[in-house]
Amino acid sequence: MLAYIFWHRPFAHADRKAYENAIVRFQGDLAAQPPPGFIAAVSFRIEPVPWLDDQPGYEDWCLLEGSWAMDPLNSYAVTGSRQPSHGAVAALMENGHGGIYAHAGGETPPPQQSTAYWLTRPRGIDWRAALDPLRAKCPQANIWRRQMVLGRPAEFAVTVPGDTAIEVPSGWTAHSVKRTRLPG
């Protein structure tokens, strides 16, 4: 399973509630007529992250069966009944970056409140050996590994419910981000 993650923020003059409603409407339209390979989509309001110029924003997760599903998603998102709701979000968006992450462990669905730990490992170490103890200590964690990124996001995402703290492997850098799931 892959996640296409898109981080974005609206223009300063945009109404936050209108922006969030547009996000939820677009995701609903996408789920109502899903492209091939589409599993699910969810969005979060997030704290500031470096790849949004240290400003708060939004994080959309679109779960896909594999990389082959990117082309249909790209086409479906901006055509047909989805075009007006996609256009409404795009018209209010100032900044955005996307990335593709592969699922590397965990099975829990994202709760209403969660924290994402964006991790970067030291070069030359086995990431599995470093993250296995984390999974053992925090079985509710989901781990995602970067496959392709168009921007600056970190190599790994570890998502956990609420304010759950994790033990970051020695030598790794971490940026924790509190998230609130948008209704939808």
Protein backbone atom coordinates (compact mmCIF):
# COMPACT_ATOMS: atom_id res chain seq x y z
CA MET A 1 0.00 0.00 0.00
CA LEU A 2 1.17 3.52 -0.79
CA ALA A 3 0.14 6.89 0.55
CA TYR A 4 0.19 9.95 -1.65
CA ILE A 5 0.61 12.71 0.94
CA PHE A 6 -0.04 16.32 0.02
CA TRP A 7 0.83 19.14 2.42
CA HIS A 8 -0.73 22.51 1.73
CA ARG A 9 -1.88 25.76 3.23
CA PRO A 10 -4.37 28.39 2.11
CA PHE A 11 -3.69 32.00 1.23
CA ALA A 12 -3.63 34.23 4.33
CA HIS A 13 -6.86 35.94 3.23
CA ALA A 14 -8.75 32.64 2.79
CA ASP A 15 -11.39 31.69 5.34
CA ARG A 16 -10.12 28.59 7.19
CA LYS A 17 -13.56 27.01 7.57
CA ALA A 18 -14.33 27.50 3.87
CA TYR A 19 -10.96 25.94 3.00
CA GLU A 20 -11.58 22.93 5.25
CA ASN A 21 -15.09 22.49 3.85
CA ALA A 22 -13.64 22.54 0.32
CA ILE A 23 -11.10 19.86 1.27
CA VAL A 24 -13.78 17.62 2.78
CA ARG A 25 -16.09 18.16 -0.21
CA PHE A 26 -13.34 17.23 -2.68
CA GLN A 27 -12.42 14.09 -0.76
CA GLY A 28 -16.08 13.10 -0.60
CA ASP A 29 -16.41 13.57 -4.36
CA LEU A 30 -13.27 11.51 -4.94
CA ALA A 31 -14.49 8.68 -2.70
CA ALA A 32 -17.95 8.72 -4.34
CA GLN A 33 -16.39 7.98 -7.74
CA PRO A 34 -12.98 6.52 -6.89
CA PRO A 35 -10.29 5.97 -9.47
CA PRO A 36 -8.83 2.48 -9.93
CA GLY A 37 -6.50 1.56 -7.07
CA PHE A 38 -7.99 4.10 -4.63
CA ILE A 39 -8.42 2.78 -1.06
CA ALA A 40 -9.30 5.81 1.07
CA ALA A 41 -8.49 9.45 1.76
CA VAL A 42 -8.27 11.49 4.94
CA SER A 43 -7.12 15.02 5.75
CA PHE A 44 -5.63 16.60 8.85
CA ARG A 45 -5.16 20.13 10.13
CA ILE A 46 -1.50 20.20 11.18
CA GLU A 47 0.92 22.26 13.23
CA PRO A 48 3.73 24.12 11.46
CA VAL A 49 6.14 22.00 9.41
CA PRO A 50 9.40 23.06 7.73
CA TRP A 51 8.15 22.12 4.25
CA LEU A 52 5.30 24.66 4.59
CA ASP A 53 7.75 27.40 5.59
CA ASP A 54 7.21 26.65 9.29
CA GLN A 55 3.54 27.52 9.07
CA PRO A 56 0.48 25.42 9.98
CA GLY A 57 -1.48 23.82 7.21
CA TYR A 58 -3.11 20.62 6.07
CA GLU A 59 -1.98 17.10 5.31
CA ASP A 60 -4.01 14.98 2.90
CA TRP A 61 -3.40 11.23 2.80
CA CYS A 62 -4.66 9.29 -0.20
CA LEU A 63 -4.15 5.56 0.23
CA LEU A 64 -3.51 3.63 -2.98
CA GLU A 65 -3.03 -0.02 -3.90
CA GLY A 66 0.28 0.76 -5.60
CA SER A 67 2.20 3.24 -7.72
CA TRP A 68 0.20 2.23 -10.77
CA ALA A 69 -2.79 4.00 -9.18
CA MET A 70 -1.12 7.46 -9.33
CA ASP A 71 -2.00 8.11 -12.99
CA PRO A 72 -5.73 7.37 -12.55
CA LEU A 73 -5.79 9.44 -9.33
CA ASN A 74 -4.13 12.37 -11.08
CA SER A 75 -6.66 12.19 -13.91
CA TYR A 76 -9.77 11.61 -11.79
CA ALA A 77 -8.95 14.38 -9.31
CA VAL A 78 -9.38 17.16 -11.86
CA THR A 79 -12.11 15.81 -14.16
CA GLY A 80 -15.78 14.98 -14.12
CA SER A 81 -17.84 15.58 -11.00
CA ARG A 82 -14.65 16.07 -8.95
CA GLN A 83 -13.39 19.05 -10.97
CA PRO A 84 -15.48 21.77 -9.26
CA SER A 85 -14.54 20.68 -5.72
CA HIS A 86 -10.86 20.26 -6.66
CA GLY A 87 -10.93 23.69 -8.27
CA ALA A 88 -12.45 25.23 -5.13
CA VAL A 89 -9.57 23.97 -2.95
CA ALA A 90 -6.92 24.83 -5.54
CA ALA A 91 -8.22 28.41 -5.86
CA LEU A 92 -7.67 28.97 -2.11
CA MET A 93 -4.30 27.19 -1.84
CA GLU A 94 -1.10 29.22 -1.62
CA ASN A 95 1.51 26.51 -1.16
CA GLY A 96 1.72 22.73 -1.54
CA HIS A 97 4.17 19.82 -1.63
CA GLY A 98 3.54 16.14 -2.30
CA GLY A 99 5.23 12.85 -1.64
CA ILE A 100 4.73 9.12 -1.99
CA TYR A 101 5.27 6.91 1.06
CA ALA A 102 5.14 3.11 1.30
CA HIS A 103 3.50 1.44 4.28
CA ALA A 104 6.22 -0.18 6.39
CA GLY A 105 4.27 -1.41 9.42
CA GLY A 106 1.17 -1.02 11.56
CA GLU A 107 -2.51 -1.51 10.95
CA THR A 108 -4.35 1.06 13.02
CA PRO A 109 -6.62 3.59 11.28
CA PRO A 110 -5.90 7.28 11.96
CA PRO A 111 -7.76 8.55 15.02
CA GLN A 112 -9.35 11.99 15.33
CA GLN A 113 -6.29 13.33 17.19
CA SER A 114 -2.83 12.02 16.36
CA THR A 115 0.81 12.93 16.15
CA ALA A 116 3.08 12.36 13.17
CA TYR A 117 6.79 12.01 13.86
CA TRP A 118 8.74 12.89 10.73
CA LEU A 119 12.06 11.07 11.06
CA THR A 120 15.33 11.16 9.20
CA ARG A 121 17.92 8.46 9.83
CA PRO A 122 21.67 8.73 9.77
CA ARG A 123 23.02 7.42 6.45
CA GLY A 124 24.35 3.90 6.32
CA ILE A 125 22.16 2.27 8.97
CA ASP A 126 19.49 -0.41 8.59
CA TRP A 127 16.22 1.42 9.13
CA ARG A 128 14.25 -1.76 9.90
CA ALA A 129 16.53 -2.71 12.79
CA ALA A 130 16.19 0.81 14.21
CA LEU A 131 12.40 0.99 13.89
CA ASP A 132 11.53 -2.56 15.05
CA PRO A 133 12.05 -1.65 18.75
CA LEU A 134 9.83 1.39 18.26
CA ARG A 135 7.04 -0.84 16.89
CA ALA A 136 7.50 -3.25 19.81
CA LYS A 137 7.14 -0.42 22.35
CA CYS A 138 4.32 1.34 20.48
CA PRO A 139 2.23 -1.29 18.64
CA GLN A 140 -0.42 1.26 17.64
CA ALA A 141 2.14 3.17 15.53
CA ASN A 142 1.95 3.19 11.74
CA ILE A 143 5.22 3.55 9.88
CA TRP A 144 5.56 4.97 6.39
CA ARG A 145 8.77 5.18 4.34
CA ARG A 146 9.38 7.81 1.70
CA GLN A 147 9.50 6.55 -1.87
CA MET A 148 9.39 9.81 -3.77
CA VAL A 149 9.05 13.38 -2.57
CA LEU A 150 8.68 16.62 -4.45
CA GLY A 151 9.89 18.94 -1.72
CA ARG A 152 11.55 18.70 1.70
CA PRO A 153 9.57 16.21 3.83
CA ALA A 154 11.40 13.66 5.97
CA GLU A 155 12.26 10.08 5.12
CA PHE A 156 9.87 8.35 7.55
CA ALA A 157 6.48 9.11 9.08
CA VAL A 158 5.44 7.40 12.30
CA THR A 159 1.86 8.20 13.17
CA VAL A 160 0.48 7.51 16.64
CA PRO A 161 -2.83 8.20 18.39
CA GLY A 162 -3.24 11.39 20.42
CA ASP A 163 -0.13 12.66 22.16
CA THR A 164 1.56 9.25 22.35
CA ALA A 165 5.31 9.73 22.73
CA ILE A 166 7.73 7.51 20.88
CA GLU A 167 11.38 6.78 21.51
CA VAL A 168 13.24 8.15 18.50
CA PRO A 169 16.12 5.88 17.47
CA SER A 170 19.53 7.13 18.51
CA GLY A 171 21.08 9.54 16.02
CA TRP A 172 17.83 10.14 14.11
CA THR A 173 16.29 13.59 13.75
CA ALA A 174 12.60 14.04 14.50
CA HIS A 175 9.95 16.68 13.99
CA SER A 176 6.66 15.92 15.76
CA VAL A 177 3.44 17.38 14.40
CA LYS A 178 0.08 17.30 16.17
CA ARG A 179 -2.79 16.55 13.79
CA THR A 180 -6.56 16.87 13.94
CA ARG A 181 -8.56 14.86 11.44
CA LEU A 182 -11.05 16.83 9.38
CA PRO A 183 -14.59 15.42 9.42
CA GLY A 184 -15.55 13.47 6.36
